[in-house]
PDB file of N, CA and C in Angstrom:
ATOM      1  N   MET A   1      17.249 255.863  58.680  1.00  0.00           N
ATOM      2  CA  MET A   1      17.697 255.676  58.424  1.00  0.00           C
ATOM      3  C   MET A   1      19.081 256.605  58.292  1.00  0.00           C
ATOM      4  N   ALA A   2      20.363 255.828  59.906  1.00  0.00           N
ATOM      5  CA  ALA A   2      20.907 255.915  60.264  1.00  0.00           C
ATOM      6  C   ALA A   2      22.123 256.732  59.273  1.00  0.00           C
ATOM      7  N   LYS A   3      22.972 257.872  59.503  1.00  0.00           N
ATOM      8  CA  LYS A   3      24.031 258.545  58.693  1.00  0.00           C
ATOM      9  C   LYS A   3      24.917 258.454  58.453  1.00  0.00           C
ATOM     10  N   LYS A   4      25.777 257.751  57.616  1.00  0.00           N
ATOM     11  CA  LYS A   4      26.950 257.525  57.054  1.00  0.00           C
ATOM     12  C   LYS A   4      28.038 257.961  57.813  1.00  0.00           C
ATOM     13  N   LYS A   5      28.923 257.439  57.878  1.00  0.00           N
ATOM     14  CA  LYS A   5      30.015 258.436  58.862  1.00  0.00           C
ATOM     15  C   LYS A   5      31.062 258.390  58.509  1.00  0.00           C
ATOM     16  N   ILE A   6      31.148 259.657  58.372  1.00  0.00           N
ATOM     17  CA  ILE A   6      32.443 260.775  57.531  1.00  0.00           C
ATOM     18  C   ILE A   6      34.299 260.089  57.909  1.00  0.00           C
ATOM     19  N   SER A   7      35.157 259.648  57.246  1.00  0.00           N
ATOM     20  CA  SER A   7      35.904 259.366  57.669  1.00  0.00           C
ATOM     21  C   SER A   7      37.711 259.596  56.505  1.00  0.00           C
ATOM     22  N   TRP A   8      38.085 260.694  57.531  1.00  0.00           N
ATOM     23  CA  TRP A   8      39.812 261.201  57.170  1.00  0.00           C
ATOM     24  C   TRP A   8      40.866 260.235  57.034  1.00  0.00           C
ATOM     25  N   GLU A   9      42.034 260.943  56.545  1.00  0.00           N
ATOM     26  CA  GLU A   9      43.341 261.051  57.192  1.00  0.00           C
ATOM     27  C   GLU A   9      44.494 261.691  56.447  1.00  0.00           C
ATOM     28  N   LEU A  10      44.948 262.564  56.713  1.00  0.00           N
ATOM     29  CA  LEU A  10      45.739 263.109  56.242  1.00  0.00           C
ATOM     30  C   LEU A  10      47.686 262.087  55.794  1.00  0.00           C
ATOM     31  N   TYR A  11      46.729 262.072  54.620  1.00  0.00           N
ATOM     32  CA  TYR A  11      48.092 260.931  54.004  1.00  0.00           C
ATOM     33  C   TYR A  11      48.822 260.816  53.852  1.00  0.00           C
ATOM     34  N   SER A  12      49.730 262.338  52.976  1.00  0.00           N
ATOM     35  CA  SER A  12      50.885 262.709  52.731  1.00  0.00           C
ATOM     36  C   SER A  12      51.412 264.245  52.535  1.00  0.00           C
ATOM     37  N   TYR A  13      52.256 264.888  53.283  1.00  0.00           N
ATOM     38  CA  TYR A  13      52.781 265.978  52.865  1.00  0.00           C
ATOM     39  C   TYR A  13      54.191 266.502  52.507  1.00  0.00           C
ATOM     40  N   GLY A  14      54.193 267.782  51.851  1.00  0.00           N
ATOM     41  CA  GLY A  14      55.298 267.891  51.907  1.00  0.00           C
ATOM     42  C   GLY A  14      55.732 268.900  50.657  1.00  0.00           C
ATOM     43  N   GLU A  15      57.131 268.143  49.764  1.00  0.00           N
ATOM     44  CA  GLU A  15      56.968 268.531  48.184  1.00  0.00           C
ATOM     45  C   GLU A  15      56.438 267.440  47.548  1.00  0.00           C
ATOM     46  N   TYR A  16      55.950 268.095  45.849  1.00  0.00           N
ATOM     47  CA  TYR A  16      55.200 266.994  44.917  1.00  0.00           C
ATOM     48  C   TYR A  16      55.582 267.640  43.451  1.00  0.00           C
ATOM     49  N   SER A  17      54.972 266.785  42.630  1.00  0.00           N
ATOM     50  CA  SER A  17      55.551 267.228  41.586  1.00  0.00           C
ATOM     51  C   SER A  17      55.098 268.148  41.400  1.00  0.00           C
ATOM     52  N   ASN A  18      55.063 268.994  39.753  1.00  0.00           N
ATOM     53  CA  ASN A  18      54.149 269.194  39.200  1.00  0.00           C
ATOM     54  C   ASN A  18      53.003 269.491  39.134  1.00  0.00           C
ATOM     55  N   TRP A  19      52.356 270.069  39.601  1.00  0.00           N
ATOM     56  CA  TRP A  19      49.942 269.713  39.060  1.00  0.00           C
ATOM     57  C   TRP A  19      49.554 270.036  38.528  1.00  0.00           C
ATOM     58  N   GLU A  20      48.434 270.037  37.541  1.00  0.00           N
ATOM     59  CA  GLU A  20      47.608 270.629  36.770  1.00  0.00           C
ATOM     60  C   GLU A  20      46.616 270.808  37.009  1.00  0.00           C
ATOM     61  N   ARG A  21      46.779 272.173  37.674  1.00  0.00           N
ATOM     62  CA  ARG A  21      45.259 272.284  38.666  1.00  0.00           C
ATOM     63  C   ARG A  21      43.620 271.884  37.436  1.00  0.00           C
ATOM     64  N   GLY A  22      43.018 271.516  36.836  1.00  0.00           N
ATOM     65  CA  GLY A  22      42.251 270.857  36.492  1.00  0.00           C
ATOM     66  C   GLY A  22      42.458 269.593  36.000  1.00  0.00           C
ATOM     67  N   SER A  23      43.304 268.662  35.904  1.00  0.00           N
ATOM     68  CA  SER A  23      43.591 267.878  36.223  1.00  0.00           C
ATOM     69  C   SER A  23      42.906 266.653  37.308  1.00  0.00           C
ATOM     70  N   LYS A  24      42.574 265.677  36.850  1.00  0.00           N
ATOM     71  CA  LYS A  24      41.999 264.429  37.937  1.00  0.00           C
ATOM     72  C   LYS A  24      43.032 263.947  39.179  1.00  0.00           C
ATOM     73  N   ASP A  25      44.039 263.889  37.879  1.00  0.00           N
ATOM     74  CA  ASP A  25      44.821 263.065  38.600  1.00  0.00           C
ATOM     75  C   ASP A  25      45.360 264.030  39.426  1.00  0.00           C
ATOM     76  N   LEU A  26      46.289 263.332  41.428  1.00  0.00           N
ATOM     77  CA  LEU A  26      46.907 264.434  42.068  1.00  0.00           C
ATOM     78  C   LEU A  26      48.494 264.465  41.872  1.00  0.00           C
ATOM     79  N   PRO A  27      48.977 265.358  42.302  1.00  0.00           N
ATOM     80  CA  PRO A  27      50.563 265.059  42.095  1.00  0.00           C
ATOM     81  C   PRO A  27      51.094 263.804  42.815  1.00  0.00           C
ATOM     82  N   LYS A  28      52.503 263.689  42.509  1.00  0.00           N
ATOM     83  CA  LYS A  28      52.991 262.896  43.052  1.00  0.00           C
ATOM     84  C   LYS A  28      54.122 262.798  44.326  1.00  0.00           C
ATOM     85  N   LEU A  29      54.230 263.160  45.125  1.00  0.00           N
ATOM     86  CA  LEU A  29      54.817 262.843  46.166  1.00  0.00           C
ATOM     87  C   LEU A  29      56.262 262.753  46.323  1.00  0.00           C
ATOM     88  N   GLN A  30      57.400 263.937  46.870  1.00  0.00           N
ATOM     89  CA  GLN A  30      58.477 263.661  46.240  1.00  0.00           C
ATOM     90  C   GLN A  30      59.443 263.871  47.392  1.00  0.00           C
ATOM     91  N   ASN A  31      58.830 264.317  48.657  1.00  0.00           N
ATOM     92  CA  ASN A  31      59.303 264.022  49.472  1.00  0.00           C
ATOM     93  C   ASN A  31      58.838 264.440  50.680  1.00  0.00           C
ATOM     94  N   ILE A  32      58.730 263.238  51.987  1.00  0.00           N
ATOM     95  CA  ILE A  32      57.672 264.362  52.729  1.00  0.00           C
ATOM     96  C   ILE A  32      58.943 265.181  53.978  1.00  0.00           C
ATOM     97  N   THR A  33      57.986 265.594  53.772  1.00  0.00           N
ATOM     98  CA  THR A  33      58.766 266.763  54.722  1.00  0.00           C
ATOM     99  C   THR A  33      57.823 268.268  55.636  1.00  0.00           C
ATOM    100  N   ASP A  34      58.157 268.752  56.256  1.00  0.00           N
ATOM    101  CA  ASP A  34      57.953 269.938  56.619  1.00  0.00           C
ATOM    102  C   ASP A  34      58.655 271.367  55.763  1.00  0.00           C
ATOM    103  N   ILE A  35      59.865 271.922  56.363  1.00  0.00           N
ATOM    104  CA  ILE A  35      60.723 272.316  55.811  1.00  0.00           C
ATOM    105  C   ILE A  35      60.566 272.344  53.720  1.00  0.00           C
ATOM    106  N   ILE A  36      60.381 273.360  53.276  1.00  0.00           N
ATOM    107  CA  ILE A  36      60.173 273.249  51.588  1.00  0.00           C
ATOM    108  C   ILE A  36      61.358 274.197  51.181  1.00  0.00           C
ATOM    109  N   GLN A  37      61.970 273.475  50.478  1.00  0.00           N
ATOM    110  CA  GLN A  37      63.795 274.687  50.124  1.00  0.00           C
ATOM    111  C   GLN A  37      62.730 275.153  48.275  1.00  0.00           C
ATOM    112  N   ILE A  38      63.049 276.791  48.756  1.00  0.00           N
ATOM    113  CA  ILE A  38      62.536 277.566  47.521  1.00  0.00           C
ATOM    114  C   ILE A  38      62.859 277.382  46.713  1.00  0.00           C
ATOM    115  N   LYS A  39      62.338 276.698  45.275  1.00  0.00           N
ATOM    116  CA  LYS A  39      63.384 277.216  43.887  1.00  0.00           C
ATOM    117  C   LYS A  39      62.024 277.016  42.843  1.00  0.00           C
ATOM    118  N   PRO A  40      61.997 277.183  41.726  1.00  0.00           N
ATOM    119  CA  PRO A  40      61.159 277.513  40.600  1.00  0.00           C
ATOM    120  C   PRO A  40      60.382 276.173  41.216  1.00  0.00           C
ATOM    121  N   ASP A  41      59.057 276.884  40.624  1.00  0.00           N
ATOM    122  CA  ASP A  41      58.012 276.066  40.638  1.00  0.00           C
ATOM    123  C   ASP A  41      57.840 274.394  41.720  1.00  0.00           C
ATOM    124  N   VAL A  42      58.299 274.130  42.411  1.00  0.00           N
ATOM    125  CA  VAL A  42      57.767 273.704  43.604  1.00  0.00           C
ATOM    126  C   VAL A  42      56.771 273.681  43.720  1.00  0.00           C
ATOM    127  N   GLU A  43      56.499 272.595  44.483  1.00  0.00           N
ATOM    128  CA  GLU A  43      55.050 272.649  44.316  1.00  0.00           C
ATOM    129  C   GLU A  43      54.640 271.576  46.249  1.00  0.00           C
ATOM    130  N   PHE A  44      53.938 272.229  46.737  1.00  0.00           N
ATOM    131  CA  PHE A  44      54.229 271.385  47.770  1.00  0.00           C
ATOM    132  C   PHE A  44      52.621 271.333  49.234  1.00  0.00           C
ATOM    133  N   GLY A  45      52.344 271.251  49.504  1.00  0.00           N
ATOM    134  CA  GLY A  45      50.778 270.698  50.408  1.00  0.00           C
ATOM    135  C   GLY A  45      50.613 269.349  51.285  1.00  0.00           C
ATOM    136  N   TYR A  46      49.452 268.750  50.630  1.00  0.00           N
ATOM    137  CA  TYR A  46      49.146 267.494  51.590  1.00  0.00           C
ATOM    138  C   TYR A  46      47.934 267.155  50.877  1.00  0.00           C
ATOM    139  N   VAL A  47      47.916 265.785  50.916  1.00  0.00           N
ATOM    140  CA  VAL A  47      46.382 264.858  50.053  1.00  0.00           C
ATOM    141  C   VAL A  47      46.342 264.657  51.535  1.00  0.00           C
ATOM    142  N   LEU A  48      44.395 264.386  51.271  1.00  0.00           N
ATOM    143  CA  LEU A  48      43.461 264.452  51.908  1.00  0.00           C
ATOM    144  C   LEU A  48      43.182 263.241  52.063  1.00  0.00           C
ATOM    145  N   LYS A  49      42.884 262.615  52.400  1.00  0.00           N
ATOM    146  CA  LYS A  49      41.349 261.243  51.310  1.00  0.00           C
ATOM    147  C   LYS A  49      40.599 261.030  52.995  1.00  0.00           C
ATOM    148  N   ILE A  50      38.860 261.541  52.071  1.00  0.00           N
ATOM    149  CA  ILE A  50      38.288 261.542  52.628  1.00  0.00           C
ATOM    150  C   ILE A  50      37.404 259.818  52.342  1.00  0.00           C
ATOM    151  N   LYS A  51      36.285 260.306  53.507  1.00  0.00           N
ATOM    152  CA  LYS A  51      35.361 258.759  52.572  1.00  0.00           C
ATOM    153  C   LYS A  51      34.430 258.713  53.276  1.00  0.00           C
ATOM    154  N   GLY A  52      33.189 258.083  52.343  1.00  0.00           N
ATOM    155  CA  GLY A  52      32.062 258.399  52.942  1.00  0.00           C
ATOM    156  C   GLY A  52      31.257 260.045  53.012  1.00  0.00           C
ATOM    157  N   ALA A  53      31.482 260.790  52.095  1.00  0.00           N
ATOM    158  CA  ALA A  53      31.591 262.521  52.285  1.00  0.00           C
ATOM    159  C   ALA A  53      31.047 262.654  50.737  1.00  0.00           C
ATOM    160  N   LYS A  54      30.636 261.640  49.790  1.00  0.00           N
ATOM    161  CA  LYS A  54      29.689 262.523  48.661  1.00  0.00           C
ATOM    162  C   LYS A  54      28.445 263.019  48.296  1.00  0.00           C
ATOM    163  N   GLY A  55      29.326 264.103  47.700  1.00  0.00           N
ATOM    164  CA  GLY A  55      27.991 264.870  47.984  1.00  0.00           C
ATOM    165  C   GLY A  55      27.987 266.751  49.190  1.00  0.00           C
ATOM    166  N   GLN A  56      29.316 266.374  50.008  1.00  0.00           N
ATOM    167  CA  GLN A  56      29.559 267.732  50.873  1.00  0.00           C
ATOM    168  C   GLN A  56      30.259 268.663  50.610  1.00  0.00           C
ATOM    169  N   VAL A  57      30.625 269.507  50.918  1.00  0.00           N
ATOM    170  CA  VAL A  57      31.848 270.399  50.661  1.00  0.00           C
ATOM    171  C   VAL A  57      32.812 270.734  51.278  1.00  0.00           C
ATOM    172  N   VAL A  58      33.429 270.349  51.040  1.00  0.00           N
ATOM    173  CA  VAL A  58      35.155 270.401  51.410  1.00  0.00           C
ATOM    174  C   VAL A  58      35.399 272.083  51.644  1.00  0.00           C
ATOM    175  N   GLU A  59      35.750 272.792  52.493  1.00  0.00           N
ATOM    176  CA  GLU A  59      36.300 274.486  52.849  1.00  0.00           C
ATOM    177  C   GLU A  59      37.735 273.980  52.834  1.00  0.00           C
ATOM    178  N   TYR A  60      38.798 275.264  52.014  1.00  0.00           N
ATOM    179  CA  TYR A  60      40.520 275.089  51.585  1.00  0.00           C
ATOM    180  C   TYR A  60      40.370 276.332  52.751  1.00  0.00           C
ATOM    181  N   ARG A  61      41.449 276.561  53.454  1.00  0.00           N
ATOM    182  CA  ARG A  61      42.213 277.751  53.612  1.00  0.00           C
ATOM    183  C   ARG A  61      43.550 278.035  53.656  1.00  0.00           C
ATOM    184  N   ILE A  62      44.479 278.488  53.291  1.00  0.00           N
ATOM    185  CA  ILE A  62      45.659 279.168  53.000  1.00  0.00           C
ATOM    186  C   ILE A  62      46.409 279.870  53.733  1.00  0.00           C
ATOM    187  N   GLU A  63      46.560 280.075  54.849  1.00  0.00           N
ATOM    188  CA  GLU A  63      47.449 281.569  55.623  1.00  0.00           C
ATOM    189  C   GLU A  63      48.818 281.046  54.819  1.00  0.00           C
ATOM    190  N   HIS A  64      49.045 281.984  54.470  1.00  0.00           N
ATOM    191  CA  HIS A  64      50.713 282.322  53.989  1.00  0.00           C
ATOM    192  C   HIS A  64      51.557 283.958  54.426  1.00  0.00           C
ATOM    193  N   PRO A  65      52.754 283.926  53.976  1.00  0.00           N
ATOM    194  CA  PRO A  65      53.654 285.113  54.654  1.00  0.00           C
ATOM    195  C   PRO A  65      53.566 286.242  54.032  1.00  0.00           C
ATOM    196  N   PRO A  66      52.771 287.574  54.856  1.00  0.00           N
ATOM    197  CA  PRO A  66      52.469 288.580  54.060  1.00  0.00           C
ATOM    198  C   PRO A  66      53.626 289.237  52.939  1.00  0.00           C
ATOM    199  N   PHE A  67      52.799 288.740  51.563  1.00  0.00           N
ATOM    200  CA  PHE A  67      53.363 289.468  50.316  1.00  0.00           C
ATOM    201  C   PHE A  67      52.357 290.070  49.758  1.00  0.00           C
ATOM    202  N   LYS A  68      52.849 290.890  48.999  1.00  0.00           N
ATOM    203  CA  LYS A  68      51.783 292.298  47.863  1.00  0.00           C
ATOM    204  C   LYS A  68      51.515 291.245  46.403  1.00  0.00           C
ATOM    205  N   ASN A  69      50.071 291.256  46.487  1.00  0.00           N
ATOM    206  CA  ASN A  69      49.848 291.344  44.607  1.00  0.00           C
ATOM    207  C   ASN A  69      50.124 292.207  43.773  1.00  0.00           C
ATOM    208  N   ASP A  70      49.681 291.151  42.555  1.00  0.00           N
ATOM    209  CA  ASP A  70      50.152 293.038  41.782  1.00  0.00           C
ATOM    210  C   ASP A  70      49.195 295.045  41.482  1.00  0.00           C
ATOM    211  N   LYS A  71      48.365 294.626  42.876  1.00  0.00           N
ATOM    212  CA  LYS A  71      47.988 296.016  43.259  1.00  0.00           C
ATOM    213  C   LYS A  71      48.850 297.119  43.895  1.00  0.00           C
ATOM    214  N   GLY A  72      50.114 295.767  44.772  1.00  0.00           N
ATOM    215  CA  GLY A  72      50.867 295.960  45.959  1.00  0.00           C
ATOM    216  C   GLY A  72      50.067 296.465  46.855  1.00  0.00           C
ATOM    217  N   GLU A  73      48.667 295.176  47.575  1.00  0.00           N
ATOM    218  CA  GLU A  73      49.001 295.299  49.257  1.00  0.00           C
ATOM    219  C   GLU A  73      48.761 294.079  49.454  1.00  0.00           C
ATOM    220  N   ILE A  74      48.584 293.901  50.558  1.00  0.00           N
ATOM    221  CA  ILE A  74      48.848 292.318  51.190  1.00  0.00           C
ATOM    222  C   ILE A  74      47.653 291.187  50.871  1.00  0.00           C
ATOM    223  N   GLU A  75      48.775 290.517  49.956  1.00  0.00           N
ATOM    224  CA  GLU A  75      48.004 289.157  49.426  1.00  0.00           C
ATOM    225  C   GLU A  75      47.124 288.940  50.578  1.00  0.00           C
ATOM    226  N   PRO A  76      45.442 288.357  50.240  1.00  0.00           N
ATOM    227  CA  PRO A  76      44.907 287.831  51.358  1.00  0.00           C
ATOM    228  C   PRO A  76      44.951 286.130  52.205  1.00  0.00           C
ATOM    229  N   ALA A  77      44.292 286.186  52.487  1.00  0.00           N
ATOM    230  CA  ALA A  77      44.454 283.830  53.165  1.00  0.00           C
ATOM    231  C   ALA A  77      43.879 283.868  51.636  1.00  0.00           C
ATOM    232  N   PHE A  78      44.075 282.259  50.893  1.00  0.00           N
ATOM    233  CA  PHE A  78      44.093 281.991  50.133  1.00  0.00           C
ATOM    234  C   PHE A  78      42.533 281.421  50.706  1.00  0.00           C
ATOM    235  N   GLU A  79      41.513 281.014  50.082  1.00  0.00           N
ATOM    236  CA  GLU A  79      40.533 280.735  50.451  1.00  0.00           C
ATOM    237  C   GLU A  79      39.325 279.927  49.964  1.00  0.00           C
ATOM    238  N   GLY A  80      38.473 278.825  49.318  1.00  0.00           N
ATOM    239  CA  GLY A  80      37.924 278.325  48.551  1.00  0.00           C
ATOM    240  C   GLY A  80      37.108 277.372  49.023  1.00  0.00           C
ATOM    241  N   GLU A  81      36.274 276.599  48.440  1.00  0.00           N
ATOM    242  CA  GLU A  81      35.501 274.964  48.603  1.00  0.00           C
ATOM    243  C   GLU A  81      36.101 274.416  47.534  1.00  0.00           C
ATOM    244  N   TYR A  82      35.543 272.902  47.486  1.00  0.00           N
ATOM    245  CA  TYR A  82      35.647 271.741  46.555  1.00  0.00           C
ATOM    246  C   TYR A  82      34.217 271.258  46.907  1.00  0.00           C
ATOM    247  N   TYR A  83      33.730 270.473  46.576  1.00  0.00           N
ATOM    248  CA  TYR A  83      31.981 269.288  46.299  1.00  0.00           C
ATOM    249  C   TYR A  83      33.226 268.482  45.916  1.00  0.00           C
ATOM    250  N   VAL A  84      32.519 267.452  46.664  1.00  0.00           N
ATOM    251  CA  VAL A  84      33.554 265.817  47.080  1.00  0.00           C
ATOM    252  C   VAL A  84      32.322 265.464  46.081  1.00  0.00           C
ATOM    253  N   ASN A  85      32.800 264.523  45.151  1.00  0.00           N
ATOM    254  CA  ASN A  85      32.042 264.105  44.041  1.00  0.00           C
ATOM    255  C   ASN A  85      31.928 262.753  44.072  1.00  0.00           C
ATOM    256  N   SER A  86      32.522 261.829  45.077  1.00  0.00           N
ATOM    257  CA  SER A  86      32.996 260.110  45.524  1.00  0.00           C
ATOM    258  C   SER A  86      33.265 259.692  46.976  1.00  0.00           C
ATOM    259  N   ASN A  87      32.181 258.720  47.096  1.00  0.00           N
ATOM    260  CA  ASN A  87      32.802 257.660  48.245  1.00  0.00           C
ATOM    261  C   ASN A  87      33.633 258.016  48.481  1.00  0.00           C
ATOM    262  N   ASP A  88      35.220 258.181  47.803  1.00  0.00           N
ATOM    263  CA  ASP A  88      36.483 257.599  48.376  1.00  0.00           C
ATOM    264  C   ASP A  88      37.055 258.646  47.395  1.00  0.00           C
ATOM    265  N   TYR A  89      37.355 260.163  48.258  1.00  0.00           N
ATOM    266  CA  TYR A  89      38.020 260.932  47.866  1.00  0.00           C
ATOM    267  C   TYR A  89      38.755 261.166  48.056  1.00  0.00           C
ATOM    268  N   GLU A  90      39.702 261.759  47.487  1.00  0.00           N
ATOM    269  CA  GLU A  90      41.107 262.349  47.452  1.00  0.00           C
ATOM    270  C   GLU A  90      41.253 263.672  47.306  1.00  0.00           C
ATOM    271  N   PHE A  91      41.864 264.834  48.484  1.00  0.00           N
ATOM    272  CA  PHE A  91      41.998 266.327  48.201  1.00  0.00           C
ATOM    273  C   PHE A  91      43.486 266.340  48.238  1.00  0.00           C
ATOM    274  N   PHE A  92      43.726 267.436  47.501  1.00  0.00           N
ATOM    275  CA  PHE A  92      45.640 267.730  47.416  1.00  0.00           C
ATOM    276  C   PHE A  92      44.892 269.465  47.982  1.00  0.00           C
ATOM    277  N   LEU A  93      46.136 269.432  49.084  1.00  0.00           N
ATOM    278  CA  LEU A  93      45.872 271.408  48.630  1.00  0.00           C
ATOM    279  C   LEU A  93      46.861 271.956  48.999  1.00  0.00           C
ATOM    280  N   GLY A  94      47.007 272.566  47.854  1.00  0.00           N
ATOM    281  CA  GLY A  94      48.750 273.043  48.151  1.00  0.00           C
ATOM    282  C   GLY A  94      48.827 274.341  47.139  1.00  0.00           C
ATOM    283  N   ASP A  95      49.899 275.080  46.921  1.00  0.00           N
ATOM    284  CA  ASP A  95      50.570 275.847  46.516  1.00  0.00           C
ATOM    285  C   ASP A  95      52.023 275.378  45.545  1.00  0.00           C
ATOM    286  N   THR A  96      52.489 276.475  44.823  1.00  0.00           N
ATOM    287  CA  THR A  96      53.782 277.072  44.142  1.00  0.00           C
ATOM    288  C   THR A  96      54.209 277.781  44.502  1.00  0.00           C
ATOM    289  N   VAL A  97      55.573 278.203  44.410  1.00  0.00           N
ATOM    290  CA  VAL A  97      55.980 279.847  44.624  1.00  0.00           C
ATOM    291  C   VAL A  97      56.558 279.937  43.324  1.00  0.00           C
ATOM    292  N   TRP A  98      56.557 281.877  43.110  1.00  0.00           N
ATOM    293  CA  TRP A  98      56.794 281.802  41.919  1.00  0.00           C
ATOM    294  C   TRP A  98      57.726 283.974  42.432  1.00  0.00           C
ATOM    295  N   GLU A  99      57.849 284.143  41.189  1.00  0.00           N
ATOM    296  CA  GLU A  99      59.101 285.516  42.135  1.00  0.00           C
ATOM    297  C   GLU A  99      58.247 286.045  42.152  1.00  0.00           C
ATOM    298  N   PRO A 100      58.962 286.863  43.282  1.00  0.00           N
ATOM    299  CA  PRO A 100      59.748 287.328  43.942  1.00  0.00           C
ATOM    300  C   PRO A 100      59.819 286.211  45.575  1.00  0.00           C
ATOM    301  N   TYR A 101      60.529 285.417  45.523  1.00  0.00           N
ATOM    302  CA  TYR A 101      60.733 284.356  45.999  1.00  0.00           C
ATOM    303  C   TYR A 101      60.985 284.763  47.623  1.00  0.00           C
ATOM    304  N   ALA A 102      61.327 285.626  47.925  1.00  0.00           N
ATOM    305  CA  ALA A 102      62.084 286.005  49.253  1.00  0.00           C
ATOM    306  C   ALA A 102      60.382 286.186  50.013  1.00  0.00           C
ATOM    307  N   ASP A 103      59.643 287.072  49.892  1.00  0.00           N
ATOM    308  CA  ASP A 103      58.274 287.155  50.440  1.00  0.00           C
ATOM    309  C   ASP A 103      58.010 285.796  50.048  1.00  0.00           C
ATOM    310  N   LYS A 104      58.057 284.511  49.733  1.00  0.00           N
ATOM    311  CA  LYS A 104      57.099 284.091  50.023  1.00  0.00           C
ATOM    312  C   LYS A 104      57.420 282.760  51.237  1.00  0.00           C
ATOM    313  N   ALA A 105      58.707 283.179  51.656  1.00  0.00           N
ATOM    314  CA  ALA A 105      59.877 282.129  52.786  1.00  0.00           C
ATOM    315  C   ALA A 105      58.779 282.550  53.862  1.00  0.00           C
ATOM    316  N   GLY A 106      59.053 281.679  54.611  1.00  0.00           N
ATOM    317  CA  GLY A 106      57.775 281.423  55.794  1.00  0.00           C
ATOM    318  C   GLY A 106      56.880 280.451  56.031  1.00  0.00           C
ATOM    319  N   GLN A 107      56.478 280.428  57.105  1.00  0.00           N
ATOM    320  CA  GLN A 107      55.447 279.702  57.444  1.00  0.00           C
ATOM    321  C   GLN A 107      54.190 279.407  56.896  1.00  0.00           C
ATOM    322  N   TRP A 108      53.668 278.368  55.899  1.00  0.00           N
ATOM    323  CA  TRP A 108      52.377 278.951  55.155  1.00  0.00           C
ATOM    324  C   TRP A 108      51.704 277.000  55.986  1.00  0.00           C
ATOM    325  N   ARG A 109      50.310 278.212  56.552  1.00  0.00           N
ATOM    326  CA  ARG A 109      49.116 277.058  57.069  1.00  0.00           C
ATOM    327  C   ARG A 109      48.268 276.493  56.682  1.00  0.00           C
ATOM    328  N   LEU A 110      48.102 275.536  56.159  1.00  0.00           N
ATOM    329  CA  LEU A 110      46.838 274.780  55.704  1.00  0.00           C
ATOM    330  C   LEU A 110      45.525 274.250  56.043  1.00  0.00           C
ATOM    331  N   ILE A 111      44.841 274.680  55.940  1.00  0.00           N
ATOM    332  CA  ILE A 111      44.087 273.956  56.746  1.00  0.00           C
ATOM    333  C   ILE A 111      42.389 273.500  55.650  1.00  0.00           C
ATOM    334  N   THR A 112      41.508 272.270  56.378  1.00  0.00           N
ATOM    335  CA  THR A 112      41.031 271.643  55.273  1.00  0.00           C
ATOM    336  C   THR A 112      39.297 271.285  56.243  1.00  0.00           C
ATOM    337  N   LYS A 113      38.472 271.915  56.291  1.00  0.00           N
ATOM    338  CA  LYS A 113      36.789 271.886  56.900  1.00  0.00           C
ATOM    339  C   LYS A 113      36.434 271.024  55.762  1.00  0.00           C
ATOM    340  N   MET A 114      35.472 270.800  57.086  1.00  0.00           N
ATOM    341  CA  MET A 114      33.524 269.948  56.386  1.00  0.00           C
ATOM    342  C   MET A 114      33.083 270.586  57.619  1.00  0.00           C
ATOM    343  N   GLY A 115      32.039 270.997  57.412  1.00  0.00           N
ATOM    344  CA  GLY A 115      30.436 271.474  57.630  1.00  0.00           C
ATOM    345  C   GLY A 115      31.577 271.829  59.149  1.00  0.00           C
ATOM    346  N   GLY A 116      31.929 272.907  59.081  1.00  0.00           N
ATOM    347  CA  GLY A 116      32.691 273.635  60.464  1.00  0.00           C
ATOM    348  C   GLY A 116      34.056 272.597  61.348  1.00  0.00           C
ATOM    349  N   LYS A 117      34.107 271.367  61.321  1.00  0.00           N
ATOM    350  CA  LYS A 117      34.948 270.505  61.869  1.00  0.00           C
ATOM    351  C   LYS A 117      36.158 270.569  60.700  1.00  0.00           C
ATOM    352  N   ILE A 118      36.477 271.157  61.448  1.00  0.00           N
ATOM    353  CA  ILE A 118      38.791 270.896  61.224  1.00  0.00           C
ATOM    354  C   ILE A 118      38.722 269.362  61.141  1.00  0.00           C
ATOM    355  N   LEU A 119      39.765 269.056  59.762  1.00  0.00           N
ATOM    356  CA  LEU A 119      40.241 268.496  59.432  1.00  0.00           C
ATOM    357  C   LEU A 119      41.487 267.299  59.516  1.00  0.00           C
ATOM    358  N   ALA A 120      41.786 268.588  58.524  1.00  0.00           N
ATOM    359  CA  ALA A 120      43.321 268.930  58.666  1.00  0.00           C
ATOM    360  C   ALA A 120      44.139 270.034  58.581  1.00  0.00           C
ATOM    361  N   ASP A 121      45.037 270.419  59.739  1.00  0.00           N
ATOM    362  CA  ASP A 121      45.863 271.853  59.786  1.00  0.00           C
ATOM    363  C   ASP A 121      47.393 271.391  59.956  1.00  0.00           C
ATOM    364  N   LYS A 122      48.316 271.977  58.851  1.00  0.00           N
ATOM    365  CA  LYS A 122      49.215 271.582  58.920  1.00  0.00           C
ATOM    366  C   LYS A 122      50.055 272.919  58.880  1.00  0.00           C
ATOM    367  N   VAL A 123      50.999 273.316  58.608  1.00  0.00           N
ATOM    368  CA  VAL A 123      52.007 274.161  58.836  1.00  0.00           C
ATOM    369  C   VAL A 123      53.479 273.570  58.034  1.00  0.00           C
ATOM    370  N   LEU A 124      53.248 274.299  56.934  1.00  0.00           N
ATOM    371  CA  LEU A 124      54.796 273.645  56.148  1.00  0.00           C
ATOM    372  C   LEU A 124      55.602 274.561  55.518  1.00  0.00           C
ATOM    373  N   THR A 125      57.032 274.895  56.261  1.00  0.00           N
ATOM    374  CA  THR A 125      57.553 276.188  56.636  1.00  0.00           C
ATOM    375  C   THR A 125      58.318 276.199  54.457  1.00  0.00           C
ATOM    376  N   LEU A 126      58.347 277.301  54.122  1.00  0.00           N
ATOM    377  CA  LEU A 126      59.476 277.549  53.170  1.00  0.00           C
ATOM    378  C   LEU A 126      61.079 278.533  53.528  1.00  0.00           C
ATOM    379  N   VAL A 127      61.469 278.054  52.761  1.00  0.00           N
ATOM    380  CA  VAL A 127      63.236 278.379  53.182  1.00  0.00           C
ATOM    381  C   VAL A 127      63.904 278.652  52.286  1.00  0.00           C
ATOM    382  N   LEU A 128      64.641 280.118  51.580  1.00  0.00           N
ATOM    383  CA  LEU A 128      65.537 279.858  50.999  1.00  0.00           C
ATOM    384  C   LEU A 128      66.468 279.073  50.930  1.00  0.00           C
TER     385      LEU A 128
END
């Protein structure tokens, strides 16, 4: 039996409505842009639509400007993975800002992979 072809599309990117992390509903796109104005609770990122990948694992990485965590150490890139639970899957990768805002300004690179292959790689710039 032939292996099913997986397809994907970077559907949208920019500024989004607030998102409940545990919710099945994705945030709503507010503004398509590469430049995000930092303000309290701004949500930014992208939506990736993936077809034919049920049972696969999506890996993500968010590289951000250097800022310190609660221990005073430079926070490493955010990494993780999600299990694709349907053949018509929508994946939101993003973040929000928190105080202090000045150290969050700069380039945020959002990368999504599957099976070692890059599906999406987008840089969003946060500005004060």
